[in-house]
């Protein structure tokens, strides 16, 4: 699975990196930074949790 971030939509709620700390991080302003674009199976649940809980829809998962 591949993960994409539309940084222009992110306003820094932080739900992604709280729910998926191994997949998502934060920059100095608190906006999302994607740590893993090609998500391995063991991190898929974290990737989905972050994507599903982003209020702006800034994250998108492509299952391949």
PDB file of N, CA and C in Angstrom:
ATOM      1  N   UNK A   1       0.831  -1.167   0.000  1.00  0.00           N
ATOM      2  CA  UNK A   1       0.000   0.000   0.000  1.00  0.00           C
ATOM      3  C   UNK A   1       0.880   1.235   0.000  1.00  0.00           C
ATOM      4  N   UNK A   2       0.410   2.255  -0.680  1.00  0.00           N
ATOM      5  CA  UNK A   2       1.140   3.524  -0.765  1.00  0.00           C
ATOM      6  C   UNK A   2       0.327   4.606  -0.063  1.00  0.00           C
ATOM      7  N   UNK A   3       1.041   5.516   0.549  1.00  0.00           N
ATOM      8  CA  UNK A   3       0.420   6.589   1.309  1.00  0.00           C
ATOM      9  C   UNK A   3       0.804   7.927   0.704  1.00  0.00           C
ATOM     10  N   UNK A   4      -0.192   8.790   0.523  1.00  0.00           N
ATOM     11  CA  UNK A   4       0.056  10.124  -0.026  1.00  0.00           C
ATOM     12  C   UNK A   4      -0.514  11.183   0.913  1.00  0.00           C
ATOM     13  N   UNK A   5       0.195  12.289   1.007  1.00  0.00           N
ATOM     14  CA  UNK A   5      -0.222  13.428   1.811  1.00  0.00           C
ATOM     15  C   UNK A   5      -0.393  14.645   0.919  1.00  0.00           C
ATOM     16  N   UNK A   6      -1.535  15.299   1.038  1.00  0.00           N
ATOM     17  CA  UNK A   6      -1.744  16.591   0.396  1.00  0.00           C
ATOM     18  C   UNK A   6      -1.455  17.636   1.471  1.00  0.00           C
ATOM     19  N   UNK A   7      -0.211  18.088   1.536  1.00  0.00           N
ATOM     20  CA  UNK A   7       0.239  18.986   2.600  1.00  0.00           C
ATOM     21  C   UNK A   7      -0.549  20.291   2.633  1.00  0.00           C
ATOM     22  N   UNK A   8      -1.093  20.713   1.507  1.00  0.00           N
ATOM     23  CA  UNK A   8      -1.871  21.955   1.467  1.00  0.00           C
ATOM     24  C   UNK A   8      -3.164  21.846   2.278  1.00  0.00           C
ATOM     25  N   UNK A   9      -3.684  20.640   2.449  1.00  0.00           N
ATOM     26  CA  UNK A   9      -4.912  20.435   3.212  1.00  0.00           C
ATOM     27  C   UNK A   9      -4.663  20.288   4.719  1.00  0.00           C
ATOM     28  N   UNK A  10      -3.463  19.918   5.102  1.00  0.00           N
ATOM     29  CA  UNK A  10      -3.160  19.652   6.510  1.00  0.00           C
ATOM     30  C   UNK A  10      -3.095  20.955   7.299  1.00  0.00           C
ATOM     31  N   UNK A  11      -3.844  20.997   8.418  1.00  0.00           N
ATOM     32  CA  UNK A  11      -3.797  22.163   9.297  1.00  0.00           C
ATOM     33  C   UNK A  11      -3.200  21.838  10.660  1.00  0.00           C
ATOM     34  N   UNK A  12      -2.792  20.591  10.855  1.00  0.00           N
ATOM     35  CA  UNK A  12      -2.060  20.228  12.056  1.00  0.00           C
ATOM     36  C   UNK A  12      -2.880  19.757  13.245  1.00  0.00           C
ATOM     37  N   UNK A  13      -3.985  19.089  13.016  1.00  0.00           N
ATOM     38  CA  UNK A  13      -4.745  18.538  14.146  1.00  0.00           C
ATOM     39  C   UNK A  13      -3.932  17.489  14.910  1.00  0.00           C
ATOM     40  N   UNK A  14      -3.101  16.741  14.202  1.00  0.00           N
ATOM     41  CA  UNK A  14      -2.217  15.775  14.851  1.00  0.00           C
ATOM     42  C   UNK A  14      -2.800  14.404  15.093  1.00  0.00           C
ATOM     43  N   UNK A  15      -3.990  14.152  14.647  1.00  0.00           N
ATOM     44  CA  UNK A  15      -4.594  12.832  14.865  1.00  0.00           C
ATOM     45  C   UNK A  15      -3.782  11.730  14.190  1.00  0.00           C
ATOM     46  N   UNK A  16      -3.253  12.025  13.017  1.00  0.00           N
ATOM     47  CA  UNK A  16      -2.502  11.008  12.276  1.00  0.00           C
ATOM     48  C   UNK A  16      -1.291  10.522  13.064  1.00  0.00           C
ATOM     49  N   UNK A  17      -0.474  11.443  13.546  1.00  0.00           N
ATOM     50  CA  UNK A  17       0.738  11.005  14.232  1.00  0.00           C
ATOM     51  C   UNK A  17       0.503  10.526  15.655  1.00  0.00           C
ATOM     52  N   UNK A  18      -0.642  10.841  16.231  1.00  0.00           N
ATOM     53  CA  UNK A  18      -0.997  10.260  17.524  1.00  0.00           C
ATOM     54  C   UNK A  18      -1.435   8.808  17.337  1.00  0.00           C
ATOM     55  N   UNK A  19      -2.225   8.555  16.291  1.00  0.00           N
ATOM     56  CA  UNK A  19      -2.748   7.209  16.035  1.00  0.00           C
ATOM     57  C   UNK A  19      -1.769   6.314  15.274  1.00  0.00           C
ATOM     58  N   UNK A  20      -0.832   6.913  14.559  1.00  0.00           N
ATOM     59  CA  UNK A  20       0.118   6.140  13.758  1.00  0.00           C
ATOM     60  C   UNK A  20       1.528   6.677  13.872  1.00  0.00           C
ATOM     61  N   UNK A  21       2.114   6.629  15.055  1.00  0.00           N
ATOM     62  CA  UNK A  21       3.423   7.256  15.266  1.00  0.00           C
ATOM     63  C   UNK A  21       4.578   6.655  14.476  1.00  0.00           C
ATOM     64  N   UNK A  22       4.422   5.434  14.006  1.00  0.00           N
ATOM     65  CA  UNK A  22       5.490   4.824  13.206  1.00  0.00           C
ATOM     66  C   UNK A  22       5.356   5.164  11.724  1.00  0.00           C
ATOM     67  N   UNK A  23       4.215   5.709  11.340  1.00  0.00           N
ATOM     68  CA  UNK A  23       3.938   6.043   9.941  1.00  0.00           C
ATOM     69  C   UNK A  23       3.981   7.554   9.717  1.00  0.00           C
ATOM     70  N   UNK A  24       3.480   8.298  10.694  1.00  0.00           N
ATOM     71  CA  UNK A  24       3.358   9.754  10.580  1.00  0.00           C
ATOM     72  C   UNK A  24       4.189  10.455  11.645  1.00  0.00           C
ATOM     73  N   UNK A  25       4.662  11.623  11.289  1.00  0.00           N
ATOM     74  CA  UNK A  25       5.367  12.472  12.235  1.00  0.00           C
ATOM     75  C   UNK A  25       4.847  13.885  12.083  1.00  0.00           C
ATOM     76  N   UNK A  26       5.532  14.828  12.725  1.00  0.00           N
ATOM     77  CA  UNK A  26       5.121  16.226  12.634  1.00  0.00           C
ATOM     78  C   UNK A  26       6.316  17.113  12.353  1.00  0.00           C
ATOM     79  N   UNK A  27       6.044  18.211  11.647  1.00  0.00           N
ATOM     80  CA  UNK A  27       7.099  19.183  11.402  1.00  0.00           C
ATOM     81  C   UNK A  27       7.091  20.209  12.546  1.00  0.00           C
ATOM     82  N   UNK A  28       7.886  21.233  12.435  1.00  0.00           N
ATOM     83  CA  UNK A  28       7.997  22.231  13.498  1.00  0.00           C
ATOM     84  C   UNK A  28       6.701  23.001  13.746  1.00  0.00           C
ATOM     85  N   UNK A  29       5.830  23.043  12.758  1.00  0.00           N
ATOM     86  CA  UNK A  29       4.546  23.737  12.898  1.00  0.00           C
ATOM     87  C   UNK A  29       3.422  22.799  13.335  1.00  0.00           C
ATOM     88  N   UNK A  30       3.719  21.501  13.520  1.00  0.00           N
ATOM     89  CA  UNK A  30       2.712  20.536  13.925  1.00  0.00           C
ATOM     90  C   UNK A  30       1.948  19.902  12.781  1.00  0.00           C
ATOM     91  N   UNK A  31       2.391  20.154  11.553  1.00  0.00           N
ATOM     92  CA  UNK A  31       1.739  19.551  10.394  1.00  0.00           C
ATOM     93  C   UNK A  31       2.304  18.159  10.129  1.00  0.00           C
ATOM     94  N   UNK A  32       1.517  17.350   9.473  1.00  0.00           N
ATOM     95  CA  UNK A  32       1.880  15.959   9.189  1.00  0.00           C
ATOM     96  C   UNK A  32       3.104  15.848   8.281  1.00  0.00           C
ATOM     97  N   UNK A  33       3.927  14.878   8.632  1.00  0.00           N
ATOM     98  CA  UNK A  33       5.039  14.442   7.798  1.00  0.00           C
ATOM     99  C   UNK A  33       4.891  12.928   7.668  1.00  0.00           C
ATOM    100  N   UNK A  34       4.914  12.426   6.446  1.00  0.00           N
ATOM    101  CA  UNK A  34       4.794  10.987   6.223  1.00  0.00           C
ATOM    102  C   UNK A  34       6.171  10.367   6.349  1.00  0.00           C
ATOM    103  N   UNK A  35       6.316   9.454   7.294  1.00  0.00           N
ATOM    104  CA  UNK A  35       7.598   8.771   7.522  1.00  0.00           C
ATOM    105  C   UNK A  35       7.789   7.596   6.568  1.00  0.00           C
ATOM    106  N   UNK A  36       6.676   6.967   6.175  1.00  0.00           N
ATOM    107  CA  UNK A  36       6.720   5.756   5.362  1.00  0.00           C
ATOM    108  C   UNK A  36       5.722   5.890   4.214  1.00  0.00           C
ATOM    109  N   UNK A  37       6.196   6.047   2.978  1.00  0.00           N
ATOM    110  CA  UNK A  37       5.266   6.148   1.853  1.00  0.00           C
ATOM    111  C   UNK A  37       4.849   4.776   1.326  1.00  0.00           C
ATOM    112  N   UNK A  38       5.764   3.813   1.348  1.00  0.00           N
ATOM    113  CA  UNK A  38       5.433   2.427   0.999  1.00  0.00           C
ATOM    114  C   UNK A  38       5.222   1.691   2.317  1.00  0.00           C
ATOM    115  N   UNK A  39       3.969   1.523   2.692  1.00  0.00           N
ATOM    116  CA  UNK A  39       3.622   1.003   4.014  1.00  0.00           C
ATOM    117  C   UNK A  39       3.729  -0.517   4.045  1.00  0.00           C
ATOM    118  N   UNK A  40       4.574  -1.057   4.933  1.00  0.00           N
ATOM    119  CA  UNK A  40       4.665  -2.510   5.081  1.00  0.00           C
ATOM    120  C   UNK A  40       3.433  -3.043   5.826  1.00  0.00           C
ATOM    121  N   UNK A  41       3.135  -4.313   5.685  1.00  0.00           N
ATOM    122  CA  UNK A  41       1.941  -4.888   6.308  1.00  0.00           C
ATOM    123  C   UNK A  41       1.837  -4.663   7.816  1.00  0.00           C
ATOM    124  N   UNK A  42       2.964  -4.662   8.502  1.00  0.00           N
ATOM    125  CA  UNK A  42       2.903  -4.505   9.959  1.00  0.00           C
ATOM    126  C   UNK A  42       2.542  -3.087  10.400  1.00  0.00           C
ATOM    127  N   UNK A  43       2.561  -2.115   9.477  1.00  0.00           N
ATOM    128  CA  UNK A  43       2.182  -0.740   9.800  1.00  0.00           C
ATOM    129  C   UNK A  43       0.870  -0.318   9.130  1.00  0.00           C
ATOM    130  N   UNK A  44       0.219  -1.248   8.468  1.00  0.00           N
ATOM    131  CA  UNK A  44      -1.010  -0.930   7.728  1.00  0.00           C
ATOM    132  C   UNK A  44      -2.114  -0.396   8.639  1.00  0.00           C
ATOM    133  N   UNK A  45      -2.269  -0.966   9.826  1.00  0.00           N
ATOM    134  CA  UNK A  45      -3.323  -0.500  10.732  1.00  0.00           C
ATOM    135  C   UNK A  45      -3.079   0.945  11.168  1.00  0.00           C
ATOM    136  N   UNK A  46      -1.826   1.297  11.442  1.00  0.00           N
ATOM    137  CA  UNK A  46      -1.497   2.673  11.820  1.00  0.00           C
ATOM    138  C   UNK A  46      -1.757   3.627  10.658  1.00  0.00           C
ATOM    139  N   UNK A  47      -1.378   3.211   9.459  1.00  0.00           N
ATOM    140  CA  UNK A  47      -1.600   4.050   8.282  1.00  0.00           C
ATOM    141  C   UNK A  47      -3.084   4.309   8.072  1.00  0.00           C
ATOM    142  N   UNK A  48      -3.893   3.270   8.185  1.00  0.00           N
ATOM    143  CA  UNK A  48      -5.342   3.414   8.004  1.00  0.00           C
ATOM    144  C   UNK A  48      -5.959   4.289   9.094  1.00  0.00           C
ATOM    145  N   UNK A  49      -5.537   4.094  10.332  1.00  0.00           N
ATOM    146  CA  UNK A  49      -6.086   4.889  11.436  1.00  0.00           C
ATOM    147  C   UNK A  49      -5.825   6.375  11.221  1.00  0.00           C
ATOM    148  N   UNK A  50      -4.623   6.720  10.813  1.00  0.00           N
ATOM    149  CA  UNK A  50      -4.297   8.116  10.547  1.00  0.00           C
ATOM    150  C   UNK A  50      -5.101   8.679   9.402  1.00  0.00           C
ATOM    151  N   UNK A  51      -5.209   7.920   8.334  1.00  0.00           N
ATOM    152  CA  UNK A  51      -5.945   8.360   7.140  1.00  0.00           C
ATOM    153  C   UNK A  51      -7.436   8.518   7.442  1.00  0.00           C
ATOM    154  N   UNK A  52      -8.015   7.588   8.152  1.00  0.00           N
ATOM    155  CA  UNK A  52      -9.449   7.618   8.445  1.00  0.00           C
ATOM    156  C   UNK A  52      -9.828   8.729   9.421  1.00  0.00           C
ATOM    157  N   UNK A  53      -8.881   9.169  10.234  1.00  0.00           N
ATOM    158  CA  UNK A  53      -9.180  10.166  11.257  1.00  0.00           C
ATOM    159  C   UNK A  53      -8.708  11.568  10.923  1.00  0.00           C
ATOM    160  N   UNK A  54      -8.241  11.780   9.701  1.00  0.00           N
ATOM    161  CA  UNK A  54      -7.828  13.115   9.283  1.00  0.00           C
ATOM    162  C   UNK A  54      -9.072  13.921   8.913  1.00  0.00           C
ATOM    163  N   UNK A  55      -9.390  14.982   9.681  1.00  0.00           N
ATOM    164  CA  UNK A  55     -10.612  15.733   9.393  1.00  0.00           C
ATOM    165  C   UNK A  55     -10.588  16.482   8.064  1.00  0.00           C
ATOM    166  N   UNK A  56      -9.412  16.777   7.543  1.00  0.00           N
ATOM    167  CA  UNK A  56      -9.316  17.503   6.280  1.00  0.00           C
ATOM    168  C   UNK A  56      -9.228  16.586   5.066  1.00  0.00           C
ATOM    169  N   UNK A  57      -9.047  15.292   5.285  1.00  0.00           N
ATOM    170  CA  UNK A  57      -8.875  14.380   4.152  1.00  0.00           C
ATOM    171  C   UNK A  57      -7.557  14.590   3.441  1.00  0.00           C
ATOM    172  N   UNK A  58      -6.532  14.971   4.196  1.00  0.00           N
ATOM    173  CA  UNK A  58      -5.221  15.255   3.603  1.00  0.00           C
ATOM    174  C   UNK A  58      -4.425  13.999   3.276  1.00  0.00           C
ATOM    175  N   UNK A  59      -4.863  12.865   3.799  1.00  0.00           N
ATOM    176  CA  UNK A  59      -4.147  11.602   3.577  1.00  0.00           C
ATOM    177  C   UNK A  59      -4.960  10.684   2.681  1.00  0.00           C
ATOM    178  N   UNK A  60      -4.260   9.951   1.827  1.00  0.00           N
ATOM    179  CA  UNK A  60      -4.918   9.004   0.936  1.00  0.00           C
ATOM    180  C   UNK A  60      -4.070   7.743   0.855  1.00  0.00           C
ATOM    181  N   UNK A  61      -4.746   6.615   0.962  1.00  0.00           N
ATOM    182  CA  UNK A  61      -4.080   5.320   0.849  1.00  0.00           C
ATOM    183  C   UNK A  61      -4.465   4.688  -0.471  1.00  0.00           C
ATOM    184  N   UNK A  62      -3.447   4.265  -1.206  1.00  0.00           N
ATOM    185  CA  UNK A  62      -3.642   3.512  -2.441  1.00  0.00           C
ATOM    186  C   UNK A  62      -3.244   2.082  -2.125  1.00  0.00           C
ATOM    187  N   UNK A  63      -4.206   1.149  -2.164  1.00  0.00           N
ATOM    188  CA  UNK A  63      -3.902  -0.225  -1.772  1.00  0.00           C
ATOM    189  C   UNK A  63      -2.965  -0.959  -2.734  1.00  0.00           C
ATOM    190  N   UNK A  64      -2.615  -0.330  -3.845  1.00  0.00           N
ATOM    191  CA  UNK A  64      -1.746  -0.891  -4.903  1.00  0.00           C
ATOM    192  C   UNK A  64      -2.546  -1.694  -5.850  1.00  0.00           C
TER     193      UNK A  64
END
